[in-house]
Amino acid sequence: APNPARRRVVCGGGDLPEPPEPSLLPNGTVTLLLSNNKITGLRNGSFLGLPLLEKLDLRNNVISTVQPGAFLGLGELKRLDLSNNRIGCLTSETFQGLPRLLRLNISGNIFSSVQPGVFDELPALKV
């Protein structure tokens, strides 16, 4: 079957309290922009059902919790921006399921603990 059209979904600058349900987004979404919302946390499987996603922008939200497995199913993701949130803790499970991630921005958070091995799940990361 031919690939569905590559889609860019922009939901920035609103009052979203959580990411949109992946099933509501078009098949073929490769870019999802969720910056400048009021997202408070990312649950396990928040983005399951977006297997083609390459760029996820979550900057300038109020994310304080990122559950283990929040990014599961994003096997094609190359860029993840979590800057300017309220994330305080990262564990080795935080970034499970991101084998192709090249760029990760976690600046402007309030880290109190970053466990050893946090980036072990990110073999492609450019540091």
Protein backbone atom coordinates (compact mmCIF):
# COMPACT_ATOMS: atom_id res chain seq x y z
CA ALA A 1 0.00 0.00 0.00
CA PRO A 2 1.30 3.50 -0.70
CA ASN A 3 2.38 5.57 2.27
CA PRO A 4 -0.28 7.95 3.55
CA ALA A 5 0.46 11.63 3.07
CA ARG A 6 2.99 12.97 5.54
CA ARG A 7 1.05 15.16 7.95
CA ARG A 8 2.06 18.02 10.20
CA VAL A 9 -0.31 18.57 13.12
CA VAL A 10 -0.16 21.88 14.99
CA CYS A 11 -1.93 22.17 18.35
CA GLY A 12 0.23 24.87 19.89
CA GLY A 13 -0.66 27.83 22.04
CA GLY A 14 -3.87 26.45 23.48
CA ASP A 15 -5.06 25.18 26.83
CA LEU A 16 -4.64 21.46 26.20
CA PRO A 17 -4.24 19.71 29.58
CA GLU A 18 -2.89 16.54 27.95
CA PRO A 19 -1.77 15.38 24.51
CA PRO A 20 -4.58 14.67 22.05
CA GLU A 21 -5.75 11.07 21.73
CA PRO A 22 -3.52 9.55 19.01
CA SER A 23 -6.55 7.93 17.36
CA LEU A 24 -7.91 11.43 16.62
CA LEU A 25 -4.81 12.42 14.64
CA PRO A 26 -4.35 11.67 10.93
CA ASN A 27 -2.59 8.50 9.86
CA GLY A 28 0.80 9.54 8.61
CA THR A 29 1.38 12.27 11.20
CA VAL A 30 5.14 12.92 11.13
CA THR A 31 5.25 16.21 13.05
CA LEU A 32 3.21 16.95 16.18
CA LEU A 33 3.56 20.43 17.68
CA LEU A 34 2.09 20.75 21.17
CA SER A 35 4.14 23.66 22.48
CA ASN A 36 2.72 26.43 24.68
CA ASN A 37 -0.16 24.44 26.13
CA LYS A 38 -0.96 23.42 29.70
CA ILE A 39 -0.01 19.76 29.48
CA THR A 40 0.84 18.59 33.00
CA GLY A 41 2.03 15.05 32.43
CA LEU A 42 2.65 12.27 29.95
CA ARG A 43 1.08 8.90 30.65
CA ASN A 44 2.34 5.51 29.59
CA GLY A 45 1.48 5.13 25.90
CA SER A 46 0.48 8.78 25.43
CA PHE A 47 1.54 8.59 21.79
CA LEU A 48 0.80 4.94 20.92
CA GLY A 49 -0.66 4.86 17.43
CA LEU A 50 1.70 7.41 15.85
CA PRO A 51 4.31 5.04 14.43
CA LEU A 52 5.52 7.47 11.75
CA LEU A 53 6.06 10.45 14.06
CA GLU A 54 9.49 12.05 13.55
CA LYS A 55 9.20 15.30 15.50
CA LEU A 56 7.40 15.90 18.80
CA ASP A 57 7.44 19.39 20.29
CA LEU A 58 6.26 19.65 23.91
CA ARG A 59 8.16 22.77 24.93
CA ASN A 60 6.66 25.46 27.15
CA ASN A 61 4.10 23.31 28.92
CA VAL A 62 3.83 22.50 32.63
CA ILE A 63 4.82 18.84 32.38
CA SER A 64 5.96 17.61 35.77
CA THR A 65 5.55 13.84 35.37
CA VAL A 66 6.67 11.62 32.53
CA GLN A 67 5.55 8.05 33.19
CA PRO A 68 7.77 5.16 32.14
CA GLY A 69 6.79 4.18 28.61
CA ALA A 70 5.30 7.61 27.78
CA PHE A 71 7.04 7.51 24.40
CA LEU A 72 6.44 3.85 23.53
CA GLY A 73 5.52 3.24 19.91
CA LEU A 74 7.52 6.16 18.53
CA GLY A 75 10.06 4.05 16.67
CA GLU A 76 10.68 6.72 14.02
CA LEU A 77 10.96 9.73 16.36
CA LYS A 78 14.09 11.76 15.63
CA ARG A 79 13.47 15.01 17.54
CA LEU A 80 11.92 15.46 20.97
CA ASP A 81 11.66 18.85 22.66
CA LEU A 82 10.73 18.84 26.36
CA SER A 83 12.34 22.18 27.18
CA ASN A 84 10.81 24.70 29.59
CA ASN A 85 8.62 22.34 31.55
CA ARG A 86 8.66 21.29 35.21
CA ILE A 87 10.20 17.86 34.91
CA GLY A 88 12.10 17.03 38.09
CA CYS A 89 13.08 13.40 37.65
CA LEU A 90 14.29 11.23 34.78
CA THR A 91 14.75 7.46 34.99
CA SER A 92 16.11 4.90 32.57
CA GLU A 93 12.50 4.01 31.65
CA THR A 94 11.58 7.59 30.67
CA PHE A 95 12.85 7.30 27.11
CA GLN A 96 12.00 3.67 26.31
CA GLY A 97 11.13 2.95 22.71
CA LEU A 98 13.06 5.73 20.94
CA PRO A 99 15.73 3.88 18.95
CA ARG A 100 16.10 6.60 16.30
CA LEU A 101 16.06 9.70 18.52
CA LEU A 102 18.80 12.07 17.37
CA ARG A 103 17.96 15.28 19.22
CA LEU A 104 16.61 15.71 22.73
CA ASN A 105 16.10 19.11 24.37
CA ILE A 106 15.46 18.98 28.12
CA SER A 107 16.74 22.44 29.01
CA GLY A 108 14.77 24.73 31.30
CA ASN A 109 13.40 22.03 33.59
CA ILE A 110 13.85 21.61 37.36
CA PHE A 111 15.80 18.37 37.59
CA SER A 112 16.46 17.18 41.09
CA SER A 113 17.41 13.66 40.08
CA VAL A 114 18.62 12.13 36.88
CA GLN A 115 19.22 8.42 37.36
CA PRO A 116 22.20 6.65 35.83
CA GLY A 117 21.35 5.05 32.50
CA VAL A 118 18.73 7.63 31.52
CA PHE A 119 20.16 7.91 28.02
CA ASP A 120 21.07 4.23 27.58
CA GLU A 121 17.80 3.64 25.73
CA LEU A 122 18.78 6.23 23.10
CA PRO A 123 21.44 4.61 20.91
CA ALA A 124 21.16 7.18 18.10
CA LEU A 125 21.29 10.29 20.30
CA LYS A 126 23.77 12.93 19.17
CA VAL A 127 25.39 14.33 22.29
